[in-house]
């Protein structure tokens, strides 16, 4: 291994350490607790080391969002692959998406609520963002025409995001969550036939 290769590996490891520490701190105490000073103390590096990797907290939050989208894509892919049939796939993806939002609220906020400097819905979007959307698209596409697939997927995603956000804020009661998901899936895939 060359010195240059070792330095690149160490730099990548340090960058991931910063992202992981930010993610864990945000999940434990919220995004207001995530400061460069606090992160530097958490990872035992100086603030200039953080700034050698990221321009500031917003850039760190964007990196956390990208990692979160990779995690979400993996979970959605597993849910979709484990389902039997179009309707079951759509239901599994809906349930997995909202469970992810509830289980990882600070991460979800970085991905979809806070303003981050990431291009969404463009070819320049980082691969994990495209992958997460692609998993939603793979679940929705079988219930629509090819021309409408992207827009219908965006609508499905917006509905899931709205349900997750409104429930988390207490504006929708938790007890009706599963029924709301059933209604949403019925609108996209058609009601279950007995």
N, C-alpha and C. Protein backbone atom coordinates (compact mmCIF):
# COMPACT_ATOMS: atom_id res chain seq x y z
N UNK A 1 0.84 -1.17 0.00
CA UNK A 1 0.00 0.00 0.00
C UNK A 1 0.89 1.24 0.00
N UNK A 2 0.59 2.16 -0.88
CA UNK A 2 1.38 3.38 -0.95
C UNK A 2 0.94 4.35 0.15
N UNK A 3 1.80 5.31 0.43
CA UNK A 3 1.48 6.34 1.43
C UNK A 3 0.23 7.11 1.00
N UNK A 4 0.14 7.41 -0.28
CA UNK A 4 -1.02 8.15 -0.80
C UNK A 4 -2.31 7.35 -0.59
N UNK A 5 -2.28 6.07 -0.85
CA UNK A 5 -3.46 5.22 -0.67
C UNK A 5 -3.86 5.17 0.80
N UNK A 6 -2.87 5.04 1.66
CA UNK A 6 -3.15 5.02 3.11
C UNK A 6 -3.76 6.33 3.56
N UNK A 7 -3.25 7.44 3.10
CA UNK A 7 -3.79 8.76 3.47
C UNK A 7 -5.22 8.94 2.97
N UNK A 8 -5.48 8.48 1.75
CA UNK A 8 -6.84 8.58 1.22
C UNK A 8 -7.81 7.73 2.03
N UNK A 9 -7.37 6.53 2.41
CA UNK A 9 -8.20 5.67 3.23
C UNK A 9 -8.46 6.30 4.59
N UNK A 10 -7.42 6.84 5.22
CA UNK A 10 -7.58 7.49 6.53
C UNK A 10 -8.50 8.70 6.43
N UNK A 11 -8.39 9.45 5.36
CA UNK A 11 -9.24 10.63 5.16
C UNK A 11 -10.71 10.20 5.01
N UNK A 12 -10.95 9.14 4.24
CA UNK A 12 -12.31 8.63 4.07
C UNK A 12 -12.86 8.11 5.40
N UNK A 13 -12.02 7.45 6.18
CA UNK A 13 -12.46 6.94 7.49
C UNK A 13 -12.79 8.09 8.43
N UNK A 14 -11.97 9.15 8.41
CA UNK A 14 -12.22 10.32 9.25
C UNK A 14 -13.53 11.01 8.84
N UNK A 15 -13.75 11.11 7.54
CA UNK A 15 -14.98 11.72 7.03
C UNK A 15 -16.20 10.93 7.51
N UNK A 16 -16.12 9.60 7.40
CA UNK A 16 -17.23 8.76 7.84
C UNK A 16 -17.42 8.84 9.35
N UNK A 17 -16.35 8.99 10.09
CA UNK A 17 -16.43 9.15 11.55
C UNK A 17 -17.21 10.42 11.89
N UNK A 18 -16.96 11.49 11.17
CA UNK A 18 -17.67 12.76 11.38
C UNK A 18 -19.15 12.59 11.07
N UNK A 19 -19.46 11.96 9.96
CA UNK A 19 -20.86 11.76 9.56
C UNK A 19 -21.58 10.88 10.58
N UNK A 20 -20.94 9.80 10.99
CA UNK A 20 -21.55 8.89 11.97
C UNK A 20 -21.78 9.59 13.30
N UNK A 21 -20.80 10.37 13.75
CA UNK A 21 -20.94 11.09 15.02
C UNK A 21 -22.08 12.11 14.92
N UNK A 22 -22.19 12.80 13.81
CA UNK A 22 -23.27 13.79 13.63
C UNK A 22 -24.63 13.09 13.66
N UNK A 23 -24.71 11.99 12.97
CA UNK A 23 -25.96 11.23 12.91
C UNK A 23 -26.36 10.73 14.29
N UNK A 24 -25.44 10.17 15.03
CA UNK A 24 -25.73 9.66 16.37
C UNK A 24 -26.09 10.77 17.34
N UNK A 25 -25.38 11.88 17.27
CA UNK A 25 -25.67 13.02 18.14
C UNK A 25 -27.04 13.60 17.82
N UNK A 26 -27.36 13.73 16.55
CA UNK A 26 -28.68 14.25 16.15
C UNK A 26 -29.79 13.33 16.61
N UNK A 27 -29.59 12.03 16.49
CA UNK A 27 -30.61 11.08 16.94
C UNK A 27 -30.79 11.13 18.45
N UNK A 28 -29.72 11.36 19.18
CA UNK A 28 -29.79 11.38 20.64
C UNK A 28 -30.32 12.71 21.18
N UNK A 29 -29.91 13.83 20.55
CA UNK A 29 -30.22 15.14 21.13
C UNK A 29 -30.86 16.13 20.16
N UNK A 30 -31.01 15.76 18.91
CA UNK A 30 -31.59 16.68 17.93
C UNK A 30 -30.51 17.45 17.18
N UNK A 31 -30.90 18.01 16.03
CA UNK A 31 -29.92 18.70 15.17
C UNK A 31 -29.37 19.97 15.79
N UNK A 32 -30.09 20.60 16.70
CA UNK A 32 -29.56 21.80 17.36
C UNK A 32 -28.30 21.49 18.17
N UNK A 33 -28.18 20.27 18.65
CA UNK A 33 -27.01 19.86 19.43
C UNK A 33 -25.79 19.60 18.56
N UNK A 34 -25.99 19.46 17.27
CA UNK A 34 -24.88 19.15 16.36
C UNK A 34 -24.20 20.45 15.94
N UNK A 35 -23.05 20.69 16.51
CA UNK A 35 -22.23 21.84 16.14
C UNK A 35 -20.84 21.33 15.80
N UNK A 36 -20.08 22.11 15.08
CA UNK A 36 -18.72 21.65 14.74
C UNK A 36 -17.87 21.52 16.00
N UNK A 37 -18.09 22.40 16.96
CA UNK A 37 -17.34 22.31 18.23
C UNK A 37 -17.66 21.00 18.95
N UNK A 38 -18.94 20.68 19.01
CA UNK A 38 -19.38 19.45 19.69
C UNK A 38 -18.90 18.21 18.94
N UNK A 39 -18.99 18.25 17.62
CA UNK A 39 -18.51 17.10 16.83
C UNK A 39 -17.01 16.90 17.00
N UNK A 40 -16.26 18.00 17.00
CA UNK A 40 -14.81 17.90 17.18
C UNK A 40 -14.50 17.22 18.51
N UNK A 41 -15.22 17.59 19.55
CA UNK A 41 -15.00 16.96 20.85
C UNK A 41 -15.41 15.49 20.83
N UNK A 42 -16.52 15.18 20.16
CA UNK A 42 -17.00 13.80 20.10
C UNK A 42 -16.01 12.87 19.40
N UNK A 43 -15.42 13.34 18.31
CA UNK A 43 -14.52 12.47 17.54
C UNK A 43 -13.05 12.65 17.90
N UNK A 44 -12.80 13.60 18.82
CA UNK A 44 -11.45 13.87 19.32
C UNK A 44 -10.50 14.33 18.20
N UNK A 45 -11.01 15.23 17.37
CA UNK A 45 -10.20 15.92 16.36
C UNK A 45 -10.49 17.40 16.52
N UNK A 46 -9.64 18.23 15.98
CA UNK A 46 -9.85 19.67 16.07
C UNK A 46 -10.90 20.12 15.06
N UNK A 47 -11.47 21.31 15.30
CA UNK A 47 -12.44 21.85 14.35
C UNK A 47 -11.85 22.04 12.96
N UNK A 48 -10.59 22.47 12.83
CA UNK A 48 -10.03 22.58 11.48
C UNK A 48 -10.03 21.25 10.71
N UNK A 49 -9.91 20.13 11.43
CA UNK A 49 -9.99 18.83 10.76
C UNK A 49 -11.39 18.64 10.18
N UNK A 50 -12.42 19.00 10.94
CA UNK A 50 -13.79 18.92 10.43
C UNK A 50 -13.94 19.78 9.18
N UNK A 51 -13.40 21.01 9.27
CA UNK A 51 -13.53 21.93 8.14
C UNK A 51 -12.70 21.51 6.93
N UNK A 52 -11.73 20.63 7.14
CA UNK A 52 -10.98 20.11 6.00
C UNK A 52 -11.81 19.09 5.22
N UNK A 53 -12.88 18.59 5.85
CA UNK A 53 -13.77 17.62 5.21
C UNK A 53 -15.09 18.25 4.77
N UNK A 54 -15.59 19.20 5.56
CA UNK A 54 -16.90 19.80 5.32
C UNK A 54 -16.84 21.30 5.52
N UNK A 55 -17.64 22.03 4.76
CA UNK A 55 -17.68 23.49 4.89
C UNK A 55 -18.34 23.93 6.19
N UNK A 56 -19.17 23.09 6.75
CA UNK A 56 -19.86 23.43 7.98
C UNK A 56 -20.96 22.42 8.27
N UNK A 57 -21.81 22.78 9.23
CA UNK A 57 -22.87 21.88 9.67
C UNK A 57 -23.80 21.49 8.53
N UNK A 58 -24.14 22.42 7.66
CA UNK A 58 -25.05 22.10 6.55
C UNK A 58 -24.48 21.03 5.64
N UNK A 59 -23.18 21.10 5.38
CA UNK A 59 -22.54 20.10 4.53
C UNK A 59 -22.50 18.74 5.24
N UNK A 60 -22.31 18.77 6.55
CA UNK A 60 -22.33 17.51 7.32
C UNK A 60 -23.73 16.92 7.28
N UNK A 61 -24.75 17.77 7.43
CA UNK A 61 -26.13 17.29 7.40
C UNK A 61 -26.45 16.71 6.02
N UNK A 62 -25.94 17.31 4.96
CA UNK A 62 -26.16 16.77 3.61
C UNK A 62 -25.52 15.39 3.48
N UNK A 63 -24.33 15.22 4.04
CA UNK A 63 -23.67 13.90 3.99
C UNK A 63 -24.46 12.87 4.79
N UNK A 64 -25.02 13.29 5.92
CA UNK A 64 -25.86 12.40 6.71
C UNK A 64 -27.09 12.02 5.89
N UNK A 65 -27.67 12.98 5.19
CA UNK A 65 -28.85 12.71 4.36
C UNK A 65 -28.54 11.69 3.27
N UNK A 66 -27.40 11.82 2.64
CA UNK A 66 -27.01 10.87 1.59
C UNK A 66 -26.87 9.47 2.18
N UNK A 67 -26.20 9.36 3.33
CA UNK A 67 -26.07 8.05 3.99
C UNK A 67 -27.44 7.49 4.36
N UNK A 68 -28.31 8.37 4.85
CA UNK A 68 -29.65 7.94 5.23
C UNK A 68 -30.44 7.42 4.04
N UNK A 69 -30.29 8.07 2.90
CA UNK A 69 -30.98 7.61 1.69
C UNK A 69 -30.48 6.24 1.27
N UNK A 70 -29.19 5.99 1.46
CA UNK A 70 -28.65 4.65 1.15
C UNK A 70 -29.28 3.61 2.07
N UNK A 71 -29.42 3.95 3.34
CA UNK A 71 -30.06 3.02 4.29
C UNK A 71 -31.52 2.79 3.92
N UNK A 72 -32.22 3.88 3.60
CA UNK A 72 -33.63 3.76 3.22
C UNK A 72 -33.79 2.91 1.97
N UNK A 73 -32.94 3.13 0.98
CA UNK A 73 -33.02 2.34 -0.26
C UNK A 73 -32.85 0.85 0.04
N UNK A 74 -31.92 0.52 0.90
CA UNK A 74 -31.70 -0.88 1.28
C UNK A 74 -32.94 -1.47 1.94
N UNK A 75 -33.52 -0.74 2.88
CA UNK A 75 -34.70 -1.24 3.58
C UNK A 75 -35.89 -1.38 2.63
N UNK A 76 -36.08 -0.40 1.75
CA UNK A 76 -37.19 -0.47 0.79
C UNK A 76 -37.00 -1.64 -0.18
N UNK A 77 -35.77 -1.85 -0.62
CA UNK A 77 -35.47 -2.95 -1.55
C UNK A 77 -35.79 -4.30 -0.89
N UNK A 78 -35.38 -4.45 0.36
CA UNK A 78 -35.65 -5.69 1.09
C UNK A 78 -37.15 -5.90 1.28
N UNK A 79 -37.87 -4.84 1.60
CA UNK A 79 -39.32 -4.95 1.80
C UNK A 79 -40.01 -5.33 0.49
N UNK A 80 -39.61 -4.68 -0.58
CA UNK A 80 -40.21 -4.94 -1.90
C UNK A 80 -39.90 -6.36 -2.36
N UNK A 81 -38.65 -6.77 -2.18
CA UNK A 81 -38.25 -8.11 -2.62
C UNK A 81 -38.92 -9.21 -1.81
N UNK A 82 -39.22 -8.93 -0.55
CA UNK A 82 -39.84 -9.93 0.30
C UNK A 82 -41.35 -10.03 0.16
N UNK A 83 -41.93 -9.17 -0.66
CA UNK A 83 -43.38 -9.16 -0.83
C UNK A 83 -43.79 -10.01 -2.02
N UNK A 84 -44.97 -10.57 -1.94
CA UNK A 84 -45.48 -11.43 -3.01
C UNK A 84 -46.60 -10.70 -3.73
N UNK A 85 -46.29 -10.15 -4.89
CA UNK A 85 -47.30 -9.47 -5.68
C UNK A 85 -47.18 -7.96 -5.62
N UNK A 86 -47.85 -7.31 -6.58
CA UNK A 86 -47.77 -5.86 -6.73
C UNK A 86 -48.33 -5.13 -5.51
N UNK A 87 -49.54 -5.51 -5.10
CA UNK A 87 -50.17 -4.83 -3.98
C UNK A 87 -49.37 -5.03 -2.69
N UNK A 88 -48.93 -6.24 -2.46
CA UNK A 88 -48.14 -6.54 -1.26
C UNK A 88 -46.81 -5.77 -1.27
N UNK A 89 -46.22 -5.62 -2.44
CA UNK A 89 -44.99 -4.86 -2.57
C UNK A 89 -45.21 -3.39 -2.22
N UNK A 90 -46.28 -2.83 -2.75
CA UNK A 90 -46.61 -1.43 -2.47
C UNK A 90 -46.88 -1.24 -0.98
N UNK A 91 -47.62 -2.15 -0.38
CA UNK A 91 -47.93 -2.07 1.05
C UNK A 91 -46.66 -2.21 1.89
N UNK A 92 -45.78 -3.12 1.52
CA UNK A 92 -44.54 -3.33 2.26
C UNK A 92 -43.64 -2.10 2.19
N UNK A 93 -43.57 -1.50 1.01
CA UNK A 93 -42.76 -0.29 0.84
C UNK A 93 -43.35 0.86 1.66
N UNK A 94 -44.66 1.02 1.64
CA UNK A 94 -45.31 2.08 2.41
C UNK A 94 -45.05 1.91 3.90
N UNK A 95 -45.23 0.71 4.38
CA UNK A 95 -45.02 0.43 5.80
C UNK A 95 -43.56 0.64 6.19
N UNK A 96 -42.64 0.17 5.36
CA UNK A 96 -41.21 0.31 5.65
C UNK A 96 -40.79 1.77 5.66
N UNK A 97 -41.30 2.54 4.70
CA UNK A 97 -40.96 3.96 4.61
C UNK A 97 -41.39 4.70 5.89
N UNK A 98 -42.63 4.52 6.29
CA UNK A 98 -43.12 5.25 7.46
C UNK A 98 -42.47 4.74 8.75
N UNK A 99 -42.16 3.45 8.81
CA UNK A 99 -41.45 2.91 9.97
C UNK A 99 -40.05 3.51 10.07
N UNK A 100 -39.39 3.67 8.94
CA UNK A 100 -38.06 4.30 8.91
C UNK A 100 -38.16 5.72 9.46
N UNK A 101 -39.15 6.48 9.00
CA UNK A 101 -39.32 7.87 9.45
C UNK A 101 -39.57 7.94 10.95
N UNK A 102 -40.34 7.01 11.48
CA UNK A 102 -40.63 7.00 12.92
C UNK A 102 -39.44 6.55 13.73
N UNK A 103 -38.72 5.57 13.22
CA UNK A 103 -37.59 4.97 13.96
C UNK A 103 -36.37 5.89 13.99
N UNK A 104 -36.18 6.66 12.93
CA UNK A 104 -34.98 7.51 12.80
C UNK A 104 -35.38 8.97 12.52
N UNK A 105 -36.04 9.64 13.44
CA UNK A 105 -36.60 10.97 13.16
C UNK A 105 -35.56 12.03 12.79
N UNK A 106 -34.43 12.07 13.46
CA UNK A 106 -33.42 13.09 13.13
C UNK A 106 -32.81 12.81 11.76
N UNK A 107 -32.56 11.54 11.49
CA UNK A 107 -32.03 11.17 10.18
C UNK A 107 -33.04 11.52 9.09
N UNK A 108 -34.29 11.18 9.32
CA UNK A 108 -35.36 11.49 8.36
C UNK A 108 -35.45 12.99 8.11
N UNK A 109 -35.32 13.78 9.19
CA UNK A 109 -35.36 15.23 9.03
C UNK A 109 -34.22 15.72 8.14
N UNK A 110 -33.04 15.18 8.34
CA UNK A 110 -31.91 15.59 7.49
C UNK A 110 -32.17 15.23 6.03
N UNK A 111 -32.80 14.09 5.82
CA UNK A 111 -33.06 13.62 4.46
C UNK A 111 -34.15 14.41 3.75
N UNK A 112 -35.24 14.73 4.48
CA UNK A 112 -36.43 15.23 3.79
C UNK A 112 -37.10 16.46 4.39
N UNK A 113 -36.63 16.95 5.52
CA UNK A 113 -37.30 18.09 6.14
C UNK A 113 -36.40 19.33 6.17
N UNK A 114 -35.18 19.17 6.65
CA UNK A 114 -34.26 20.30 6.71
C UNK A 114 -33.76 20.67 5.32
N UNK A 115 -33.48 21.93 5.14
CA UNK A 115 -32.92 22.40 3.88
C UNK A 115 -31.46 21.97 3.80
N UNK A 116 -31.15 21.14 2.83
CA UNK A 116 -29.77 20.70 2.61
C UNK A 116 -29.40 21.00 1.17
N UNK A 117 -28.13 21.19 0.96
CA UNK A 117 -27.64 21.53 -0.38
C UNK A 117 -27.39 20.25 -1.18
N UNK A 118 -28.49 19.63 -1.58
CA UNK A 118 -28.42 18.42 -2.39
C UNK A 118 -29.40 18.57 -3.55
N UNK A 119 -29.00 18.16 -4.74
CA UNK A 119 -29.95 18.20 -5.86
C UNK A 119 -30.88 16.99 -5.82
N UNK A 120 -32.16 17.24 -5.66
CA UNK A 120 -33.16 16.18 -5.71
C UNK A 120 -33.80 16.20 -7.08
N UNK A 121 -34.26 15.06 -7.53
CA UNK A 121 -35.03 14.94 -8.79
C UNK A 121 -34.27 15.48 -9.99
N UNK A 122 -32.98 15.30 -10.00
CA UNK A 122 -32.16 15.68 -11.16
C UNK A 122 -31.15 14.57 -11.41
N UNK A 123 -30.60 14.53 -12.61
CA UNK A 123 -29.56 13.53 -12.87
C UNK A 123 -28.30 13.74 -12.01
N UNK A 124 -28.14 14.94 -11.45
CA UNK A 124 -26.97 15.23 -10.61
C UNK A 124 -27.15 14.78 -9.17
N UNK A 125 -28.33 14.29 -8.83
CA UNK A 125 -28.57 13.82 -7.47
C UNK A 125 -27.62 12.67 -7.15
N UNK A 126 -27.10 12.64 -5.93
CA UNK A 126 -26.22 11.52 -5.55
C UNK A 126 -26.94 10.18 -5.73
N UNK A 127 -26.19 9.17 -6.04
CA UNK A 127 -26.74 7.84 -6.31
C UNK A 127 -27.67 7.33 -5.20
N UNK A 128 -27.34 7.50 -3.90
CA UNK A 128 -28.27 7.00 -2.88
C UNK A 128 -29.65 7.66 -2.93
N UNK A 129 -29.72 8.92 -3.31
CA UNK A 129 -31.02 9.59 -3.44
C UNK A 129 -31.80 8.98 -4.60
N UNK A 130 -31.11 8.76 -5.72
CA UNK A 130 -31.75 8.15 -6.88
C UNK A 130 -32.17 6.71 -6.56
N UNK A 131 -31.35 6.00 -5.79
CA UNK A 131 -31.67 4.61 -5.43
C UNK A 131 -32.92 4.54 -4.56
N UNK A 132 -33.02 5.43 -3.57
CA UNK A 132 -34.19 5.42 -2.68
C UNK A 132 -35.45 5.73 -3.49
N UNK A 133 -35.39 6.72 -4.35
CA UNK A 133 -36.54 7.03 -5.19
C UNK A 133 -36.82 5.86 -6.14
N UNK A 134 -35.77 5.24 -6.64
CA UNK A 134 -35.92 4.11 -7.54
C UNK A 134 -36.65 2.94 -6.91
N UNK A 135 -36.45 2.74 -5.61
CA UNK A 135 -37.18 1.68 -4.92
C UNK A 135 -38.65 2.01 -4.80
N UNK A 136 -38.96 3.27 -4.55
CA UNK A 136 -40.37 3.69 -4.54
C UNK A 136 -40.97 3.51 -5.94
N UNK A 137 -40.22 3.92 -6.94
CA UNK A 137 -40.67 3.79 -8.34
C UNK A 137 -40.92 2.33 -8.71
N UNK A 138 -40.04 1.45 -8.27
CA UNK A 138 -40.20 0.03 -8.59
C UNK A 138 -41.47 -0.55 -7.98
N UNK A 139 -41.90 0.00 -6.85
CA UNK A 139 -43.15 -0.47 -6.23
C UNK A 139 -44.37 0.13 -6.90
N UNK A 140 -44.27 1.39 -7.34
CA UNK A 140 -45.42 2.10 -7.92
C UNK A 140 -45.60 1.80 -9.41
N UNK A 141 -44.51 1.64 -10.13
CA UNK A 141 -44.57 1.49 -11.60
C UNK A 141 -45.54 0.41 -12.08
N UNK A 142 -45.63 -0.74 -11.43
CA UNK A 142 -46.56 -1.77 -11.93
C UNK A 142 -48.04 -1.38 -11.87
N UNK A 143 -48.38 -0.33 -11.13
CA UNK A 143 -49.80 0.04 -11.03
C UNK A 143 -50.13 1.27 -11.87
N UNK A 144 -49.25 1.66 -12.78
CA UNK A 144 -49.47 2.86 -13.57
C UNK A 144 -48.94 2.67 -14.98
N UNK A 145 -49.19 3.68 -15.80
CA UNK A 145 -48.62 3.67 -17.14
C UNK A 145 -47.20 4.21 -17.07
N UNK A 146 -46.42 3.88 -18.04
CA UNK A 146 -45.02 4.31 -18.05
C UNK A 146 -44.90 5.83 -18.01
N UNK A 147 -45.80 6.55 -18.71
CA UNK A 147 -45.72 8.00 -18.76
C UNK A 147 -45.98 8.63 -17.39
N UNK A 148 -46.83 8.00 -16.60
CA UNK A 148 -47.21 8.56 -15.30
C UNK A 148 -46.36 8.04 -14.15
N UNK A 149 -45.50 7.11 -14.38
CA UNK A 149 -44.80 6.42 -13.29
C UNK A 149 -44.04 7.38 -12.38
N UNK A 150 -43.28 8.29 -12.94
CA UNK A 150 -42.49 9.22 -12.13
C UNK A 150 -43.37 10.13 -11.29
N UNK A 151 -44.37 10.72 -11.92
CA UNK A 151 -45.26 11.63 -11.18
C UNK A 151 -46.08 10.89 -10.14
N UNK A 152 -46.55 9.71 -10.47
CA UNK A 152 -47.33 8.94 -9.50
C UNK A 152 -46.44 8.51 -8.33
N UNK A 153 -45.20 8.19 -8.61
CA UNK A 153 -44.27 7.83 -7.54
C UNK A 153 -44.02 9.04 -6.63
N UNK A 154 -43.85 10.21 -7.22
CA UNK A 154 -43.68 11.42 -6.42
C UNK A 154 -44.91 11.66 -5.53
N UNK A 155 -46.09 11.41 -6.07
CA UNK A 155 -47.32 11.59 -5.31
C UNK A 155 -47.41 10.58 -4.16
N UNK A 156 -47.05 9.33 -4.44
CA UNK A 156 -47.03 8.29 -3.40
C UNK A 156 -46.04 8.66 -2.30
N UNK A 157 -44.86 9.10 -2.70
CA UNK A 157 -43.82 9.52 -1.75
C UNK A 157 -44.33 10.70 -0.92
N UNK A 158 -44.93 11.69 -1.56
CA UNK A 158 -45.45 12.85 -0.84
C UNK A 158 -46.51 12.43 0.18
N UNK A 159 -47.36 11.48 -0.19
CA UNK A 159 -48.38 11.00 0.74
C UNK A 159 -47.73 10.30 1.93
N UNK A 160 -46.74 9.46 1.69
CA UNK A 160 -46.03 8.79 2.78
C UNK A 160 -45.34 9.79 3.69
N UNK A 161 -44.69 10.77 3.07
CA UNK A 161 -44.00 11.81 3.85
C UNK A 161 -45.01 12.59 4.69
N UNK A 162 -46.13 12.94 4.10
CA UNK A 162 -47.15 13.66 4.84
C UNK A 162 -47.69 12.86 6.00
N UNK A 163 -47.98 11.60 5.78
CA UNK A 163 -48.47 10.74 6.85
C UNK A 163 -47.44 10.62 7.98
N UNK A 164 -46.19 10.39 7.61
CA UNK A 164 -45.14 10.24 8.62
C UNK A 164 -44.95 11.53 9.41
N UNK A 165 -44.93 12.64 8.72
CA UNK A 165 -44.69 13.93 9.37
C UNK A 165 -45.86 14.34 10.25
N UNK A 166 -47.08 14.19 9.75
CA UNK A 166 -48.26 14.58 10.53
C UNK A 166 -48.46 13.68 11.74
N UNK A 167 -48.15 12.42 11.61
CA UNK A 167 -48.29 11.51 12.74
C UNK A 167 -47.23 11.82 13.80
N UNK A 168 -46.03 12.06 13.35
CA UNK A 168 -44.94 12.34 14.28
C UNK A 168 -45.18 13.62 15.08
N UNK A 169 -45.81 14.59 14.43
CA UNK A 169 -46.07 15.86 15.11
C UNK A 169 -47.33 15.80 15.97
N UNK A 170 -48.01 14.66 15.98
CA UNK A 170 -49.20 14.50 16.80
C UNK A 170 -50.47 15.03 16.15
N UNK A 171 -50.40 15.43 14.90
CA UNK A 171 -51.57 15.95 14.22
C UNK A 171 -52.48 14.84 13.69
N UNK A 172 -51.90 13.66 13.52
CA UNK A 172 -52.69 12.47 13.18
C UNK A 172 -52.47 11.44 14.28
N UNK A 173 -53.54 10.80 14.75
CA UNK A 173 -53.36 9.82 15.83
C UNK A 173 -52.68 8.55 15.33
N UNK A 174 -51.84 8.03 16.18
CA UNK A 174 -51.06 6.81 15.87
C UNK A 174 -51.97 5.61 15.62
N UNK A 175 -53.06 5.49 16.35
CA UNK A 175 -53.89 4.29 16.28
C UNK A 175 -54.45 4.02 14.88
N UNK A 176 -54.59 5.03 14.02
CA UNK A 176 -55.16 4.83 12.69
C UNK A 176 -54.10 4.71 11.59
N UNK A 177 -52.84 4.61 11.98
CA UNK A 177 -51.76 4.61 10.98
C UNK A 177 -51.90 3.46 9.96
N UNK A 178 -52.07 2.26 10.44
CA UNK A 178 -52.15 1.11 9.52
C UNK A 178 -53.34 1.26 8.56
N UNK A 179 -54.44 1.75 9.07
CA UNK A 179 -55.62 1.93 8.20
C UNK A 179 -55.35 3.01 7.15
N UNK A 180 -54.66 4.07 7.52
CA UNK A 180 -54.30 5.11 6.54
C UNK A 180 -53.43 4.51 5.43
N UNK A 181 -52.46 3.67 5.81
CA UNK A 181 -51.60 3.04 4.81
C UNK A 181 -52.43 2.14 3.89
N UNK A 182 -53.38 1.40 4.46
CA UNK A 182 -54.26 0.56 3.63
C UNK A 182 -55.04 1.40 2.63
N UNK A 183 -55.58 2.52 3.09
CA UNK A 183 -56.34 3.41 2.20
C UNK A 183 -55.45 3.95 1.08
N UNK A 184 -54.23 4.32 1.43
CA UNK A 184 -53.30 4.84 0.42
C UNK A 184 -52.98 3.77 -0.61
N UNK A 185 -52.64 2.59 -0.16
CA UNK A 185 -52.31 1.49 -1.07
C UNK A 185 -53.53 1.15 -1.93
N UNK A 186 -54.73 1.17 -1.34
CA UNK A 186 -55.96 0.92 -2.11
C UNK A 186 -56.11 1.92 -3.24
N UNK A 187 -55.77 3.16 -3.01
CA UNK A 187 -55.90 4.20 -4.04
C UNK A 187 -54.91 3.98 -5.18
N UNK A 188 -53.79 3.39 -4.87
CA UNK A 188 -52.78 3.16 -5.90
C UNK A 188 -52.93 1.81 -6.58
N UNK A 189 -53.15 0.77 -5.79
CA UNK A 189 -53.18 -0.59 -6.35
C UNK A 189 -54.56 -1.15 -6.50
N UNK A 190 -55.56 -0.46 -5.96
CA UNK A 190 -56.92 -0.97 -5.98
C UNK A 190 -57.18 -1.73 -4.71
N UNK A 191 -58.43 -1.75 -4.25
CA UNK A 191 -58.76 -2.42 -2.99
C UNK A 191 -58.57 -3.94 -3.10
N UNK A 192 -58.31 -4.52 -1.95
CA UNK A 192 -58.18 -5.99 -1.89
C UNK A 192 -59.52 -6.63 -2.21
N UNK A 193 -59.47 -7.63 -3.03
CA UNK A 193 -60.70 -8.35 -3.41
C UNK A 193 -60.79 -9.63 -2.58
N UNK A 194 -61.94 -9.88 -2.02
CA UNK A 194 -62.14 -11.12 -1.23
C UNK A 194 -62.78 -12.19 -2.08
